[in-house]
PDB file of N, CA and C in Angstrom:
ATOM      1  N   UNK A   1      -9.131   0.051  24.677  1.00  0.00           N
ATOM      2  CA  UNK A   1     -10.291  -0.728  25.004  1.00  0.00           C
ATOM      3  C   UNK A   1     -11.327  -0.700  23.837  1.00  0.00           C
ATOM      4  N   UNK A   2     -11.540   0.452  23.208  1.00  0.00           N
ATOM      5  CA  UNK A   2     -12.478   0.607  22.131  1.00  0.00           C
ATOM      6  C   UNK A   2     -12.086  -0.367  20.951  1.00  0.00           C
ATOM      7  N   UNK A   3     -10.798  -0.364  20.599  1.00  0.00           N
ATOM      8  CA  UNK A   3     -10.337  -1.220  19.545  1.00  0.00           C
ATOM      9  C   UNK A   3     -10.617  -2.652  19.852  1.00  0.00           C
ATOM     10  N   UNK A   4     -10.337  -3.109  20.997  1.00  0.00           N
ATOM     11  CA  UNK A   4     -10.599  -4.427  21.445  1.00  0.00           C
ATOM     12  C   UNK A   4     -12.066  -4.767  21.390  1.00  0.00           C
ATOM     13  N   UNK A   5     -12.908  -3.850  21.858  1.00  0.00           N
ATOM     14  CA  UNK A   5     -14.328  -4.105  21.859  1.00  0.00           C
ATOM     15  C   UNK A   5     -14.888  -4.212  20.460  1.00  0.00           C
ATOM     16  N   UNK A   6     -14.344  -3.470  19.502  1.00  0.00           N
ATOM     17  CA  UNK A   6     -14.845  -3.408  18.144  1.00  0.00           C
ATOM     18  C   UNK A   6     -14.181  -4.437  17.239  1.00  0.00           C
ATOM     19  N   UNK A   7     -13.172  -5.010  17.720  1.00  0.00           N
ATOM     20  CA  UNK A   7     -12.329  -5.994  16.754  1.00  0.00           C
ATOM     21  C   UNK A   7     -13.150  -7.176  16.346  1.00  0.00           C
ATOM     22  N   UNK A   8     -14.195  -7.561  17.044  1.00  0.00           N
ATOM     23  CA  UNK A   8     -15.025  -8.666  16.622  1.00  0.00           C
ATOM     24  C   UNK A   8     -15.856  -8.332  15.428  1.00  0.00           C
ATOM     25  N   UNK A   9     -16.053  -7.028  15.179  1.00  0.00           N
ATOM     26  CA  UNK A   9     -16.948  -6.613  14.085  1.00  0.00           C
ATOM     27  C   UNK A   9     -16.279  -6.810  12.630  1.00  0.00           C
ATOM     28  N   UNK A  10     -15.033  -6.558  12.560  1.00  0.00           N
ATOM     29  CA  UNK A  10     -14.364  -6.609  11.235  1.00  0.00           C
ATOM     30  C   UNK A  10     -13.270  -7.626  11.226  1.00  0.00           C
ATOM     31  N   UNK A  11     -13.389  -8.604  10.298  1.00  0.00           N
ATOM     32  CA  UNK A  11     -12.419  -9.686  10.227  1.00  0.00           C
ATOM     33  C   UNK A  11     -11.241  -9.178   9.485  1.00  0.00           C
ATOM     34  N   UNK A  12     -11.477  -8.460   8.384  1.00  0.00           N
ATOM     35  CA  UNK A  12     -10.378  -7.955   7.590  1.00  0.00           C
ATOM     36  C   UNK A  12     -10.940  -6.959   6.554  1.00  0.00           C
ATOM     37  N   UNK A  13     -10.031  -6.264   5.894  1.00  0.00           N
ATOM     38  CA  UNK A  13     -10.402  -5.366   4.817  1.00  0.00           C
ATOM     39  C   UNK A  13      -9.940  -6.030   3.527  1.00  0.00           C
ATOM     40  N   UNK A  14     -10.829  -6.049   2.581  1.00  0.00           N
ATOM     41  CA  UNK A  14     -10.463  -6.593   1.238  1.00  0.00           C
ATOM     42  C   UNK A  14     -10.560  -5.400   0.277  1.00  0.00           C
ATOM     43  N   UNK A  15      -9.928  -5.458  -0.829  1.00  0.00           N
ATOM     44  CA  UNK A  15      -9.918  -4.451  -1.812  1.00  0.00           C
ATOM     45  C   UNK A  15     -10.613  -4.981  -3.072  1.00  0.00           C
ATOM     46  N   UNK A  16     -11.549  -4.194  -3.664  1.00  0.00           N
ATOM     47  CA  UNK A  16     -12.448  -4.733  -4.698  1.00  0.00           C
ATOM     48  C   UNK A  16     -12.412  -3.602  -5.780  1.00  0.00           C
ATOM     49  N   UNK A  17     -12.361  -4.093  -7.038  1.00  0.00           N
ATOM     50  CA  UNK A  17     -12.514  -3.188  -8.174  1.00  0.00           C
ATOM     51  C   UNK A  17     -13.931  -2.687  -8.269  1.00  0.00           C
ATOM     52  N   UNK A  18     -14.154  -1.360  -8.482  1.00  0.00           N
ATOM     53  CA  UNK A  18     -15.517  -0.880  -8.610  1.00  0.00           C
ATOM     54  C   UNK A  18     -16.139  -1.302  -9.890  1.00  0.00           C
ATOM     55  N   UNK A  19     -15.399  -1.658 -10.935  1.00  0.00           N
ATOM     56  CA  UNK A  19     -15.961  -2.033 -12.209  1.00  0.00           C
ATOM     57  C   UNK A  19     -16.013  -3.579 -12.324  1.00  0.00           C
ATOM     58  N   UNK A  20     -15.144  -4.309 -11.621  1.00  0.00           N
ATOM     59  CA  UNK A  20     -15.131  -5.715 -11.675  1.00  0.00           C
ATOM     60  C   UNK A  20     -15.172  -6.314 -10.280  1.00  0.00           C
ATOM     61  N   UNK A  21     -16.320  -6.538  -9.718  1.00  0.00           N
ATOM     62  CA  UNK A  21     -16.437  -7.003  -8.364  1.00  0.00           C
ATOM     63  C   UNK A  21     -15.824  -8.383  -8.114  1.00  0.00           C
ATOM     64  N   UNK A  22     -15.521  -9.078  -9.204  1.00  0.00           N
ATOM     65  CA  UNK A  22     -14.894 -10.387  -9.067  1.00  0.00           C
ATOM     66  C   UNK A  22     -13.380 -10.226  -8.769  1.00  0.00           C
ATOM     67  N   UNK A  23     -12.853  -9.066  -8.997  1.00  0.00           N
ATOM     68  CA  UNK A  23     -11.418  -8.786  -8.672  1.00  0.00           C
ATOM     69  C   UNK A  23     -11.324  -8.414  -7.257  1.00  0.00           C
ATOM     70  N   UNK A  24     -10.778  -9.234  -6.409  1.00  0.00           N
ATOM     71  CA  UNK A  24     -10.637  -9.010  -4.997  1.00  0.00           C
ATOM     72  C   UNK A  24      -9.208  -9.292  -4.555  1.00  0.00           C
ATOM     73  N   UNK A  25      -8.684  -8.405  -3.664  1.00  0.00           N
ATOM     74  CA  UNK A  25      -7.299  -8.495  -3.136  1.00  0.00           C
ATOM     75  C   UNK A  25      -7.296  -8.284  -1.687  1.00  0.00           C
ATOM     76  N   UNK A  26      -6.263  -8.780  -1.022  1.00  0.00           N
ATOM     77  CA  UNK A  26      -6.142  -8.506   0.403  1.00  0.00           C
ATOM     78  C   UNK A  26      -5.159  -7.344   0.654  1.00  0.00           C
ATOM     79  N   UNK A  27      -4.659  -6.726  -0.440  1.00  0.00           N
ATOM     80  CA  UNK A  27      -3.769  -5.631  -0.354  1.00  0.00           C
ATOM     81  C   UNK A  27      -4.216  -4.543  -1.302  1.00  0.00           C
ATOM     82  N   UNK A  28      -3.990  -3.225  -1.022  1.00  0.00           N
ATOM     83  CA  UNK A  28      -4.316  -2.192  -2.035  1.00  0.00           C
ATOM     84  C   UNK A  28      -3.561  -2.392  -3.341  1.00  0.00           C
ATOM     85  N   UNK A  29      -4.156  -1.907  -4.390  1.00  0.00           N
ATOM     86  CA  UNK A  29      -3.466  -2.024  -5.712  1.00  0.00           C
ATOM     87  C   UNK A  29      -4.394  -1.570  -6.817  1.00  0.00           C
ATOM     88  N   UNK A  30      -4.189  -2.119  -7.981  1.00  0.00           N
ATOM     89  CA  UNK A  30      -4.940  -1.796  -9.125  1.00  0.00           C
ATOM     90  C   UNK A  30      -5.535  -3.083  -9.838  1.00  0.00           C
ATOM     91  N   UNK A  31      -6.658  -2.898 -10.458  1.00  0.00           N
ATOM     92  CA  UNK A  31      -7.346  -3.965 -11.147  1.00  0.00           C
ATOM     93  C   UNK A  31      -6.533  -4.367 -12.335  1.00  0.00           C
ATOM     94  N   UNK A  32      -6.291  -5.691 -12.539  1.00  0.00           N
ATOM     95  CA  UNK A  32      -5.561  -6.083 -13.694  1.00  0.00           C
ATOM     96  C   UNK A  32      -6.322  -6.045 -14.986  1.00  0.00           C
ATOM     97  N   UNK A  33      -7.626  -5.919 -14.867  1.00  0.00           N
ATOM     98  CA  UNK A  33      -8.505  -5.823 -16.047  1.00  0.00           C
ATOM     99  C   UNK A  33      -8.638  -4.370 -16.649  1.00  0.00           C
ATOM    100  N   UNK A  34      -8.910  -3.435 -15.723  1.00  0.00           N
ATOM    101  CA  UNK A  34      -9.122  -2.032 -16.215  1.00  0.00           C
ATOM    102  C   UNK A  34      -8.155  -1.052 -15.568  1.00  0.00           C
ATOM    103  N   UNK A  35      -7.297  -1.447 -14.663  1.00  0.00           N
ATOM    104  CA  UNK A  35      -6.290  -0.649 -14.075  1.00  0.00           C
ATOM    105  C   UNK A  35      -6.840   0.443 -13.193  1.00  0.00           C
ATOM    106  N   UNK A  36      -8.091   0.331 -12.714  1.00  0.00           N
ATOM    107  CA  UNK A  36      -8.668   1.212 -11.743  1.00  0.00           C
ATOM    108  C   UNK A  36      -8.134   0.872 -10.330  1.00  0.00           C
ATOM    109  N   UNK A  37      -8.083   1.880  -9.442  1.00  0.00           N
ATOM    110  CA  UNK A  37      -7.666   1.637  -8.078  1.00  0.00           C
ATOM    111  C   UNK A  37      -8.661   0.758  -7.342  1.00  0.00           C
ATOM    112  N   UNK A  38      -8.222  -0.192  -6.616  1.00  0.00           N
ATOM    113  CA  UNK A  38      -9.088  -1.056  -5.785  1.00  0.00           C
ATOM    114  C   UNK A  38      -9.659  -0.350  -4.570  1.00  0.00           C
ATOM    115  N   UNK A  39     -10.904  -0.434  -4.326  1.00  0.00           N
ATOM    116  CA  UNK A  39     -11.498   0.229  -3.187  1.00  0.00           C
ATOM    117  C   UNK A  39     -11.544  -0.677  -1.950  1.00  0.00           C
ATOM    118  N   UNK A  40     -11.242  -0.117  -0.738  1.00  0.00           N
ATOM    119  CA  UNK A  40     -11.304  -0.933   0.460  1.00  0.00           C
ATOM    120  C   UNK A  40     -12.715  -1.208   0.850  1.00  0.00           C
ATOM    121  N   UNK A  41     -13.009  -2.454   1.241  1.00  0.00           N
ATOM    122  CA  UNK A  41     -14.295  -2.845   1.685  1.00  0.00           C
ATOM    123  C   UNK A  41     -14.124  -3.705   2.954  1.00  0.00           C
ATOM    124  N   UNK A  42     -14.719  -3.231   4.057  1.00  0.00           N
ATOM    125  CA  UNK A  42     -14.538  -4.027   5.318  1.00  0.00           C
ATOM    126  C   UNK A  42     -15.379  -5.302   5.183  1.00  0.00           C
ATOM    127  N   UNK A  43     -14.834  -6.458   5.639  1.00  0.00           N
ATOM    128  CA  UNK A  43     -15.537  -7.710   5.652  1.00  0.00           C
ATOM    129  C   UNK A  43     -16.054  -7.874   7.086  1.00  0.00           C
ATOM    130  N   UNK A  44     -17.314  -8.015   7.200  1.00  0.00           N
ATOM    131  CA  UNK A  44     -17.940  -8.271   8.537  1.00  0.00           C
ATOM    132  C   UNK A  44     -17.692  -9.698   8.942  1.00  0.00           C
ATOM    133  N   UNK A  45     -17.185  -9.856  10.123  1.00  0.00           N
ATOM    134  CA  UNK A  45     -16.856 -11.161  10.671  1.00  0.00           C
ATOM    135  C   UNK A  45     -18.137 -11.956  10.792  1.00  0.00           C
ATOM    136  N   UNK A  46     -18.004 -13.284  10.573  1.00  0.00           N
ATOM    137  CA  UNK A  46     -19.126 -14.143  10.639  1.00  0.00           C
ATOM    138  C   UNK A  46     -19.230 -14.747  12.031  1.00  0.00           C
ATOM    139  N   UNK A  47     -19.233 -13.854  13.019  1.00  0.00           N
ATOM    140  CA  UNK A  47     -19.349 -14.246  14.427  1.00  0.00           C
ATOM    141  C   UNK A  47     -20.369 -13.395  15.069  1.00  0.00           C
ATOM    142  N   UNK A  48     -20.936 -13.788  16.164  1.00  0.00           N
ATOM    143  CA  UNK A  48     -21.891 -13.007  16.933  1.00  0.00           C
ATOM    144  C   UNK A  48     -21.132 -12.129  17.907  1.00  0.00           C
ATOM    145  N   UNK A  49     -21.781 -11.085  18.295  1.00  0.00           N
ATOM    146  CA  UNK A  49     -21.131 -10.116  19.268  1.00  0.00           C
ATOM    147  C   UNK A  49     -21.228 -10.766  20.647  1.00  0.00           C
ATOM    148  N   UNK A  50     -20.208 -10.540  21.469  1.00  0.00           N
ATOM    149  CA  UNK A  50     -20.296 -10.970  22.867  1.00  0.00           C
ATOM    150  C   UNK A  50     -21.428 -10.356  23.568  1.00  0.00           C
ATOM    151  N   UNK A  51     -22.208 -11.111  24.320  1.00  0.00           N
ATOM    152  CA  UNK A  51     -23.424 -10.673  24.935  1.00  0.00           C
ATOM    153  C   UNK A  51     -23.384 -10.648  26.503  1.00  0.00           C
ATOM    154  N   UNK A  52     -22.549 -11.541  27.107  1.00  0.00           N
ATOM    155  CA  UNK A  52     -22.441 -11.578  28.534  1.00  0.00           C
ATOM    156  C   UNK A  52     -21.164 -11.008  28.988  1.00  0.00           C
ATOM    157  N   UNK A  53     -21.098 -10.686  30.298  1.00  0.00           N
ATOM    158  CA  UNK A  53     -19.823 -10.089  30.842  1.00  0.00           C
ATOM    159  C   UNK A  53     -18.700 -11.133  30.684  1.00  0.00           C
ATOM    160  N   UNK A  54     -18.911 -12.405  30.773  1.00  0.00           N
ATOM    161  CA  UNK A  54     -17.886 -13.399  30.612  1.00  0.00           C
ATOM    162  C   UNK A  54     -17.351 -13.410  29.205  1.00  0.00           C
ATOM    163  N   UNK A  55     -18.229 -13.244  28.227  1.00  0.00           N
ATOM    164  CA  UNK A  55     -17.868 -13.221  26.854  1.00  0.00           C
ATOM    165  C   UNK A  55     -17.015 -12.026  26.546  1.00  0.00           C
ATOM    166  N   UNK A  56     -17.432 -10.855  27.075  1.00  0.00           N
ATOM    167  CA  UNK A  56     -16.632  -9.629  26.859  1.00  0.00           C
ATOM    168  C   UNK A  56     -15.257  -9.751  27.477  1.00  0.00           C
ATOM    169  N   UNK A  57     -15.133 -10.382  28.533  1.00  0.00           N
ATOM    170  CA  UNK A  57     -13.855 -10.538  29.240  1.00  0.00           C
ATOM    171  C   UNK A  57     -12.899 -11.252  28.364  1.00  0.00           C
ATOM    172  N   UNK A  58     -13.351 -12.203  27.563  1.00  0.00           N
ATOM    173  CA  UNK A  58     -12.473 -13.015  26.708  1.00  0.00           C
ATOM    174  C   UNK A  58     -12.446 -12.501  25.229  1.00  0.00           C
ATOM    175  N   UNK A  59     -13.207 -11.481  24.957  1.00  0.00           N
ATOM    176  CA  UNK A  59     -13.334 -10.935  23.556  1.00  0.00           C
ATOM    177  C   UNK A  59     -11.995 -10.175  23.265  1.00  0.00           C
TER     178      UNK A  59
END
């Protein structure tokens, strides 16, 4: 239930190079520019939280 309730908060996790923020991937790996490990960054979903009981039922 908790995972379902929190699923609206995070759309996905993207991986970003700490030295080159323009290098973004949807999978873990290494930066092609500097070969550093990409760091996971949660992407906040661009949706509002359910506020009514009806919205929670369908969330």
